[in-house]
Amino acid sequence: MNVLALNCGSSSLKYQLFDWTKSKKLASGLVDRIGQAGATIKHQNDEAPSTKKEVSCQNHSDAIEHVLKALFEGKKDLAIDAVGHRVVHGGSRFARSVIIDADVIATIEELIPLAPLHNPPNLAGIVAAKKLLPGIPQIAVFDTAFHQTMPPEAYTYAVPHSWVEELGVRRYGFHGTSHLYVSRKVAKMLNRPVTELRLITCHVGNGVSLAAIKHGKSIDTSMGLTPLEGAIMGTRSGDLDAGIIPYVHNQTQQPFEQIFDALNKKSGMLALSGHSDLRDVEDKYLAGDPRCTTALEAASYRLKKYIGAYAAAMGGVDAIVFTAGVGENSPIIRGMALSEMEYLGVKLDIQANEVTWRGVEGLISTKDSPVKVMVVSTDEERIIIEDSIALLEGRSPADPNFRYSFENGSLATAK
């Protein structure tokens, strides 16, 4: 059975085609700059070098057409048996992945106000895939589902009760597929049941979220009602005093929508340093740029605060895990975030930290460190694929006894 995993962003589409029968990735790639000039598709299959070319791509339907053309080129007998979609916001309606029907599509559309930057492209991808691949099962895998195990004290905001009851205002959390994947993979790497571990997983990319995972379940996470709350991100502010919003509005007469847009797209590392790409920030930091120095110190400090808070919430921590583009590739951020944390039991191996990037993963704490620190490459598409297979076979990923293949078998299959 071949499953196509689609991860639609606002202007991009990541994809992966996986042959479940042979436990083999057949192809993967990225369509970038959807709806913009200079759109490209980068495609890699199992039999040829990767290719990258410019394409005309006005919307996600065009993007999926380019993906299918790349997948079927020279492989006319190729079959796609199911399509799994990443959907950012499932609200409190979805605590697990589901097979998509008309009601699921309607609910995703209803939840757009909670994720106006993310759910629309996710929904566009679903609609386009159903049109281009009619009759093929489609599965929705929600970012928020993994965090539905949070207790009330973690997800409840101290706001008017009518906001909670009528508007669904609460903490939902995001990057759930990433936090789920790395927590299960770390347990495998440590050769310990995930049900015995207290983990702090740090998904650090352009978007950043941390999760406290106790005995395999998310009990707290840094993003909230929307993906704006929490750590400092590429262009998102993260935590701030809500009083800033009416203050800026009153002082400048900017509409609230414009202020919200600025907090999502013009804040974070971009506002602090002038750059949203951490590679640029780090280069200028190493050259002594004061703005970039402050930006890195502020972002790392926010990570440090969350790590300390989550260790307290779980009554200790067994392992701290870094993942995603920055978490996997920035020894500087990791080193800053973990500095002066010996009190917590963290002993960072400086040399191991320096050489762990560009696809390298493993332990970056010393062998005698009471708290293990690890770098793990995330694979959200893998969760999308395995959840899709399970649902089509009548199994539930929400079952306490459910195990992903990379938990039971060779980790090589999880790459």
Protein backbone atom coordinates (compact mmCIF):
# COMPACT_ATOMS: atom_id res chain seq x y z
CA MET A 1 0.00 0.00 0.00
CA ASN A 2 1.37 3.41 -1.03
CA VAL A 3 0.48 6.40 1.16
CA LEU A 4 1.07 10.00 0.11
CA ALA A 5 1.62 12.41 3.03
CA LEU A 6 0.86 16.07 2.32
CA ASN A 7 1.93 18.90 4.63
CA CYS A 8 0.46 22.16 3.29
CA GLY A 9 1.79 25.45 4.59
CA SER A 10 0.59 28.90 3.61
CA SER A 11 3.00 29.06 0.66
CA SER A 12 4.59 25.62 0.61
CA LEU A 13 3.78 21.92 0.31
CA LYS A 14 5.98 19.17 1.73
CA TYR A 15 5.21 15.64 0.59
CA GLN A 16 6.36 12.06 0.98
CA LEU A 17 5.26 8.86 -0.76
CA PHE A 18 5.79 5.71 1.27
CA ASP A 19 5.43 2.05 0.31
CA TRP A 20 4.08 0.51 3.50
CA THR A 21 4.38 -3.08 2.26
CA LYS A 22 8.11 -2.71 1.62
CA SER A 23 8.66 -0.19 4.45
CA LYS A 24 10.35 2.10 1.97
CA LYS A 25 10.19 5.79 1.14
CA LEU A 26 9.61 6.07 -2.59
CA ALA A 27 9.80 9.83 -3.01
CA SER A 28 9.69 13.14 -1.18
CA GLY A 29 9.92 16.79 -1.96
CA LEU A 30 8.86 20.40 -1.49
CA VAL A 31 6.84 22.85 -3.54
CA ASP A 32 7.84 26.34 -2.41
CA ARG A 33 6.56 29.89 -2.98
CA ILE A 34 3.02 28.81 -3.89
CA GLY A 35 1.09 31.79 -5.25
CA GLN A 36 4.28 33.80 -5.75
CA ALA A 37 6.75 34.45 -8.54
CA GLY A 38 9.61 31.98 -8.70
CA ALA A 39 7.72 28.96 -7.36
CA THR A 40 9.82 25.79 -7.38
CA ILE A 41 9.46 22.06 -6.86
CA LYS A 42 12.30 20.04 -5.39
CA HIS A 43 11.75 16.33 -5.93
CA GLN A 44 13.68 13.26 -4.77
CA ASN A 45 12.76 9.69 -5.66
CA ASP A 46 14.34 6.37 -4.78
CA GLU A 47 16.04 5.83 -8.12
CA ALA A 48 17.47 9.19 -9.22
CA PRO A 49 19.25 12.32 -7.95
CA SER A 50 17.07 15.13 -6.63
CA THR A 51 15.80 17.72 -9.09
CA LYS A 52 14.68 21.32 -8.63
CA LYS A 53 12.89 23.45 -11.18
CA GLU A 54 10.70 26.52 -11.42
CA VAL A 55 6.99 25.96 -11.98
CA SER A 56 3.86 28.02 -12.43
CA CYS A 57 1.93 27.54 -9.20
CA GLN A 58 -0.94 29.83 -8.30
CA ASN A 59 -2.54 27.71 -5.56
CA HIS A 60 -2.37 24.41 -3.69
CA SER A 61 -4.31 22.63 -6.41
CA ASP A 62 -1.55 23.57 -8.86
CA ALA A 63 1.05 22.43 -6.32
CA ILE A 64 -0.53 18.99 -5.93
CA GLU A 65 -0.74 18.66 -9.71
CA HIS A 66 3.02 19.28 -9.90
CA VAL A 67 3.59 16.72 -7.14
CA LEU A 68 1.55 14.05 -8.92
CA LYS A 69 3.31 14.78 -12.22
CA ALA A 70 6.69 14.36 -10.53
CA LEU A 71 5.60 11.15 -8.80
CA PHE A 72 4.15 9.51 -11.91
CA GLU A 73 6.85 10.59 -14.34
CA GLY A 74 8.32 7.39 -15.76
CA LYS A 75 6.16 5.30 -13.40
CA LYS A 76 2.80 4.90 -15.09
CA ASP A 77 2.00 1.79 -13.04
CA LEU A 78 2.45 3.63 -9.73
CA ALA A 79 -0.59 3.53 -7.43
CA ILE A 80 -1.52 5.89 -4.60
CA ASP A 81 -3.82 4.09 -2.19
CA ALA A 82 -4.38 6.80 0.44
CA VAL A 83 -3.53 10.42 1.18
CA GLY A 84 -2.72 11.68 4.68
CA HIS A 85 -2.96 15.39 5.42
CA ARG A 86 -1.43 17.46 8.19
CA VAL A 87 -4.09 19.75 9.65
CA VAL A 88 -2.85 22.31 12.15
CA HIS A 89 -5.97 22.96 14.25
CA GLY A 90 -8.49 20.33 15.25
CA GLY A 91 -9.76 22.23 18.29
CA SER A 92 -11.16 20.03 21.03
CA ARG A 93 -13.19 18.09 18.44
CA PHE A 94 -10.38 15.76 17.36
CA ALA A 95 -8.23 13.88 19.87
CA ARG A 96 -6.90 11.54 17.17
CA SER A 97 -6.45 11.25 13.42
CA VAL A 98 -9.62 10.57 11.40
CA ILE A 99 -10.72 9.49 7.94
CA ILE A 100 -11.97 12.61 6.17
CA ASP A 101 -15.65 12.93 5.29
CA ALA A 102 -17.95 15.91 4.71
CA ASP A 103 -18.39 16.52 8.46
CA VAL A 104 -14.62 16.56 9.04
CA ILE A 105 -14.15 19.08 6.22
CA ALA A 106 -16.92 21.26 7.65
CA THR A 107 -15.34 21.18 11.11
CA ILE A 108 -11.90 22.10 9.79
CA GLU A 109 -13.54 25.04 8.05
CA GLU A 110 -15.36 26.05 11.24
CA LEU A 111 -12.01 26.11 13.08
CA ILE A 112 -10.36 28.54 10.64
CA PRO A 113 -10.79 31.49 13.09
CA LEU A 114 -8.55 29.61 15.55
CA ALA A 115 -5.81 29.09 12.94
CA PRO A 116 -6.39 31.63 10.15
CA LEU A 117 -2.83 31.29 8.83
CA HIS A 118 -2.77 27.49 8.78
CA ASN A 119 -6.15 25.77 8.42
CA PRO A 120 -7.03 27.44 5.08
CA PRO A 121 -4.02 25.97 3.21
CA ASN A 122 -4.55 22.62 4.98
CA LEU A 123 -8.17 22.63 3.80
CA ALA A 124 -7.14 23.71 0.29
CA GLY A 125 -4.82 20.72 0.11
CA ILE A 126 -7.61 18.35 1.14
CA VAL A 127 -10.05 19.78 -1.42
CA ALA A 128 -7.43 19.65 -4.20
CA ALA A 129 -6.37 16.08 -3.38
CA LYS A 130 -9.98 14.86 -3.33
CA LYS A 131 -10.51 16.43 -6.75
CA LEU A 132 -7.30 15.14 -8.33
CA LEU A 133 -7.42 11.70 -6.67
CA PRO A 134 -11.14 10.90 -6.55
CA GLY A 135 -12.26 7.85 -4.61
CA ILE A 136 -8.98 7.51 -2.69
CA PRO A 137 -9.25 7.57 1.13
CA GLN A 138 -8.09 10.83 2.72
CA ILE A 139 -6.96 11.06 6.34
CA ALA A 140 -6.56 14.14 8.57
CA VAL A 141 -3.76 14.12 11.15
CA PHE A 142 -4.09 17.04 13.57
CA ASP A 143 -1.26 19.01 15.19
CA THR A 144 -3.47 19.59 18.20
CA ALA A 145 -4.54 15.98 18.78
CA PHE A 146 -1.43 14.87 20.72
CA HIS A 147 -1.97 17.66 23.25
CA GLN A 148 -5.57 16.70 24.06
CA THR A 149 -4.20 14.77 27.06
CA MET A 150 -3.34 18.01 28.87
CA PRO A 151 -5.12 18.35 32.23
CA PRO A 152 -7.48 21.29 32.85
CA GLU A 153 -4.95 23.18 34.95
CA ALA A 154 -2.61 23.26 31.95
CA TYR A 155 -5.05 24.12 29.17
CA THR A 156 -7.38 26.52 31.03
CA TYR A 157 -6.97 30.28 30.70
CA ALA A 158 -8.19 32.56 33.51
CA VAL A 159 -10.67 34.37 31.25
CA PRO A 160 -14.46 34.91 31.39
CA HIS A 161 -16.23 31.57 31.44
CA SER A 162 -18.41 32.53 28.48
CA TRP A 163 -15.26 32.81 26.32
CA VAL A 164 -14.44 29.23 27.19
CA GLU A 165 -17.94 27.84 26.77
CA GLU A 166 -19.06 29.80 23.73
CA LEU A 167 -15.81 30.55 21.88
CA GLY A 168 -13.60 27.59 22.80
CA VAL A 169 -10.86 29.77 24.30
CA ARG A 170 -8.25 27.42 25.83
CA ARG A 171 -4.75 26.13 25.22
CA TYR A 172 -4.61 23.64 22.33
CA GLY A 173 -0.93 23.34 21.44
CA PHE A 174 0.67 22.54 18.09
CA HIS A 175 3.49 20.59 16.41
CA GLY A 176 1.84 17.54 17.96
CA THR A 177 3.01 15.11 15.28
CA SER A 178 6.61 16.23 15.83
CA HIS A 179 6.43 16.01 19.63
CA LEU A 180 4.80 12.58 19.35
CA TYR A 181 7.40 11.27 16.91
CA VAL A 182 10.50 12.41 18.77
CA SER A 183 9.19 11.30 22.18
CA ARG A 184 8.57 7.77 20.90
CA LYS A 185 11.89 7.69 19.03
CA VAL A 186 13.85 8.90 22.07
CA ALA A 187 12.33 6.13 24.16
CA LYS A 188 13.54 3.64 21.54
CA MET A 189 17.02 5.20 21.51
CA LEU A 190 17.22 5.10 25.31
CA ASN A 191 15.83 1.54 25.33
CA ARG A 192 13.20 2.52 27.88
CA PRO A 193 9.39 2.46 27.69
CA VAL A 194 8.02 5.91 26.93
CA THR A 195 5.52 5.27 29.74
CA GLU A 196 8.40 5.52 32.24
CA LEU A 197 9.97 8.73 30.92
CA ARG A 198 9.60 12.43 31.65
CA LEU A 199 10.61 14.26 28.49
CA ILE A 200 10.87 17.89 27.43
CA THR A 201 10.74 18.06 23.65
CA CYS A 202 11.89 21.28 21.98
CA HIS A 203 10.65 21.75 18.40
CA VAL A 204 12.76 24.72 17.34
CA GLY A 205 12.37 25.93 13.78
CA ASN A 206 10.82 29.03 12.26
CA GLY A 207 7.94 28.06 14.53
CA VAL A 208 8.90 27.00 18.06
CA SER A 209 7.07 24.96 20.67
CA LEU A 210 8.08 22.95 23.70
CA ALA A 211 6.13 20.13 25.33
CA ALA A 212 6.21 18.42 28.71
CA ILE A 213 5.61 14.74 27.99
CA LYS A 214 5.08 12.63 31.09
CA HIS A 215 4.81 8.87 30.66
CA GLY A 216 4.04 9.24 26.96
CA LYS A 217 1.35 11.92 27.28
CA SER A 218 1.54 15.65 26.69
CA ILE A 219 0.73 17.43 29.95
CA ASP A 220 1.67 20.94 28.85
CA THR A 221 2.94 22.80 25.80
CA SER A 222 4.05 26.34 25.04
CA MET A 223 1.74 27.28 22.14
CA GLY A 224 -1.81 28.11 23.09
CA LEU A 225 -5.12 28.97 21.46
CA THR A 226 -3.09 29.79 18.34
CA PRO A 227 0.53 29.13 17.33
CA LEU A 228 1.46 32.69 18.46
CA GLU A 229 2.01 31.99 22.16
CA GLY A 230 5.20 30.63 23.69
CA ALA A 231 8.85 30.87 22.68
CA ILE A 232 10.36 33.54 20.42
CA MET A 233 10.05 32.39 16.80
CA GLY A 234 11.24 33.45 13.36
CA THR A 235 8.57 36.10 12.84
CA ARG A 236 6.18 35.44 15.76
CA SER A 237 6.49 37.25 19.08
CA GLY A 238 5.69 34.41 21.43
CA ASP A 239 4.62 35.35 24.97
CA LEU A 240 3.73 38.98 25.57
CA ASP A 241 1.54 41.19 27.75
CA ALA A 242 -1.90 41.28 26.10
CA GLY A 243 -2.09 44.94 27.15
CA ILE A 244 0.42 45.72 24.39
CA ILE A 245 -2.29 45.23 21.77
CA PRO A 246 -4.77 47.93 22.90
CA TYR A 247 -1.84 50.19 23.83
CA VAL A 248 -0.40 50.07 20.30
CA HIS A 249 -3.90 50.47 18.86
CA ASN A 250 -4.62 53.57 20.96
CA GLN A 251 -1.24 55.14 20.31
CA THR A 252 -1.03 54.51 16.56
CA GLN A 253 -4.67 53.95 15.49
CA GLN A 254 -3.56 50.75 13.74
CA PRO A 255 -6.45 48.28 13.27
CA PHE A 256 -6.34 45.22 15.52
CA GLU A 257 -5.97 43.00 12.45
CA GLN A 258 -2.82 44.88 11.46
CA ILE A 259 -1.37 44.54 14.96
CA PHE A 260 -2.13 40.82 15.00
CA ASP A 261 -0.50 40.47 11.58
CA ALA A 262 2.60 42.25 12.89
CA LEU A 263 2.81 39.91 15.89
CA ASN A 264 2.69 36.92 13.55
CA LYS A 265 4.77 38.12 10.61
CA LYS A 266 6.95 41.04 11.72
CA SER A 267 8.01 40.12 15.24
CA GLY A 268 10.23 37.44 16.80
CA MET A 269 13.79 37.07 15.54
CA LEU A 270 12.99 39.31 12.58
CA ALA A 271 12.08 42.21 14.87
CA LEU A 272 14.97 41.63 17.27
CA SER A 273 17.74 41.11 14.74
CA GLY A 274 16.47 42.23 11.35
CA HIS A 275 16.64 38.63 10.10
CA SER A 276 14.17 35.75 10.36
CA ASP A 277 16.62 33.08 9.13
CA LEU A 278 18.67 31.88 12.09
CA ARG A 279 21.66 31.14 9.86
CA ASP A 280 21.95 34.86 9.12
CA VAL A 281 21.45 35.74 12.77
CA GLU A 282 24.19 33.34 13.90
CA ASP A 283 26.65 34.57 11.25
CA LYS A 284 26.22 38.16 12.43
CA TYR A 285 26.31 37.11 16.09
CA LEU A 286 29.69 35.47 15.51
CA ALA A 287 30.83 38.71 13.87
CA GLY A 288 29.83 40.62 17.01
CA ASP A 289 26.57 42.23 15.84
CA PRO A 290 24.85 43.53 19.03
CA ARG A 291 21.26 43.14 17.75
CA CYS A 292 21.85 39.53 16.74
CA THR A 293 23.55 38.84 20.07
CA THR A 294 20.51 40.13 21.94
CA ALA A 295 18.18 38.16 19.66
CA LEU A 296 19.96 34.84 20.30
CA GLU A 297 20.23 35.50 24.03
CA ALA A 298 16.53 36.40 24.27
CA ALA A 299 15.38 33.37 22.25
CA SER A 300 17.60 31.02 24.26
CA TYR A 301 16.48 32.54 27.55
CA ARG A 302 12.85 31.87 26.65
CA LEU A 303 13.71 28.22 25.91
CA LYS A 304 15.55 27.97 29.23
CA LYS A 305 12.53 29.29 31.14
CA TYR A 306 10.19 26.76 29.56
CA ILE A 307 12.60 23.88 30.18
CA GLY A 308 12.83 24.83 33.87
CA ALA A 309 9.07 25.24 34.17
CA TYR A 310 8.32 21.88 32.57
CA ALA A 311 10.88 20.09 34.75
CA ALA A 312 9.03 21.53 37.75
CA ALA A 313 5.63 20.56 36.34
CA MET A 314 6.69 16.92 35.91
CA GLY A 315 8.62 16.65 39.17
CA GLY A 316 11.88 16.21 37.26
CA VAL A 317 13.04 15.30 33.76
CA ASP A 318 14.82 12.29 32.28
CA ALA A 319 15.70 13.72 28.86
CA ILE A 320 15.59 17.02 26.98
CA VAL A 321 15.21 16.66 23.22
CA PHE A 322 15.94 19.17 20.46
CA THR A 323 14.39 18.75 17.02
CA ALA A 324 13.32 20.61 13.84
CA GLY A 325 15.48 22.84 11.64
CA VAL A 326 17.07 25.01 14.34
CA GLY A 327 16.95 22.45 17.15
CA GLU A 328 18.74 19.90 14.98
CA ASN A 329 21.29 22.28 13.46
CA SER A 330 22.20 25.02 15.93
CA PRO A 331 24.81 24.14 18.57
CA ILE A 332 24.77 27.83 19.55
CA ILE A 333 21.07 27.91 20.48
CA ARG A 334 21.29 24.56 22.27
CA GLY A 335 24.39 25.63 24.20
CA MET A 336 22.86 28.94 25.26
CA ALA A 337 19.54 27.38 26.28
CA LEU A 338 21.27 24.74 28.44
CA SER A 339 23.90 26.96 30.04
CA GLU A 340 23.95 27.05 33.85
CA MET A 341 21.51 24.15 34.12
CA GLU A 342 23.79 21.83 36.05
CA TYR A 343 21.49 22.31 39.04
CA LEU A 344 18.83 20.45 37.05
CA GLY A 345 21.18 17.58 36.28
CA VAL A 346 22.19 18.71 32.79
CA LYS A 347 25.84 18.20 31.85
CA LEU A 348 26.34 19.25 28.25
CA ASP A 349 29.12 17.59 26.23
CA ILE A 350 30.50 20.67 24.44
CA GLN A 351 32.29 18.70 21.73
CA ALA A 352 29.32 16.42 21.02
CA ASN A 353 27.03 19.45 20.81
CA GLU A 354 29.33 21.17 18.29
CA VAL A 355 29.41 18.23 15.85
CA THR A 356 25.73 17.28 16.08
CA TRP A 357 23.98 18.88 13.10
CA ARG A 358 23.20 18.34 9.40
CA GLY A 359 21.33 15.09 9.92
CA VAL A 360 23.46 13.83 12.81
CA GLU A 361 21.47 12.84 15.87
CA GLY A 362 22.19 11.36 19.25
CA LEU A 363 23.35 12.21 22.76
CA ILE A 364 24.93 15.64 23.39
CA SER A 365 25.14 15.35 27.18
CA THR A 366 28.02 13.70 29.01
CA LYS A 367 27.78 10.00 29.80
CA ASP A 368 27.39 10.76 33.52
CA SER A 369 24.75 13.46 33.03
CA PRO A 370 21.70 12.62 35.21
CA VAL A 371 19.49 14.27 32.56
CA LYS A 372 20.11 13.12 29.01
CA VAL A 373 20.15 15.75 26.26
CA MET A 374 19.51 14.52 22.73
CA VAL A 375 19.16 15.76 19.19
CA VAL A 376 16.61 13.84 17.12
CA SER A 377 15.53 14.43 13.52
CA THR A 378 11.77 14.84 13.41
CA ASP A 379 9.62 13.08 10.82
CA GLU A 380 6.07 14.41 10.92
CA GLU A 381 5.26 12.75 7.61
CA ARG A 382 6.01 9.38 9.19
CA ILE A 383 3.28 9.90 11.77
CA ILE A 384 0.87 11.00 9.01
CA ILE A 385 1.64 7.83 7.04
CA GLU A 386 1.38 5.40 9.96
CA ASP A 387 -1.81 6.95 11.33
CA SER A 388 -3.34 6.70 7.85
CA ILE A 389 -2.39 3.03 7.55
CA ALA A 390 -3.74 2.23 11.02
CA LEU A 391 -7.12 3.83 10.35
CA LEU A 392 -7.48 2.08 7.01
CA GLU A 393 -6.71 -1.25 8.73
CA GLY A 394 -9.27 -0.60 11.45
CA ARG A 395 -6.71 0.16 14.16
CA SER A 396 -6.72 3.32 16.28
CA PRO A 397 -3.57 5.38 16.93
CA ALA A 398 -5.33 6.54 20.11
CA ASP A 399 -5.32 2.99 21.52
CA PRO A 400 -2.97 2.82 24.55
CA ASN A 401 -1.44 -0.36 23.11
CA PHE A 402 -0.81 1.16 19.67
CA ARG A 403 2.85 1.18 18.63
CA TYR A 404 4.49 2.83 15.64
CA SER A 405 6.77 0.65 13.55
CA PHE A 406 9.86 2.63 14.53
CA GLU A 407 9.16 1.81 18.18
CA ASN A 408 9.19 -1.94 17.58
CA GLY A 409 11.53 -2.42 14.63
CA SER A 410 14.62 -0.95 13.10
CA LEU A 411 15.02 2.79 13.43
CA ALA A 412 16.30 2.80 9.87
CA THR A 413 12.72 2.50 8.63
CA ALA A 414 11.86 5.75 10.39
CA LYS A 415 14.22 7.87 8.31
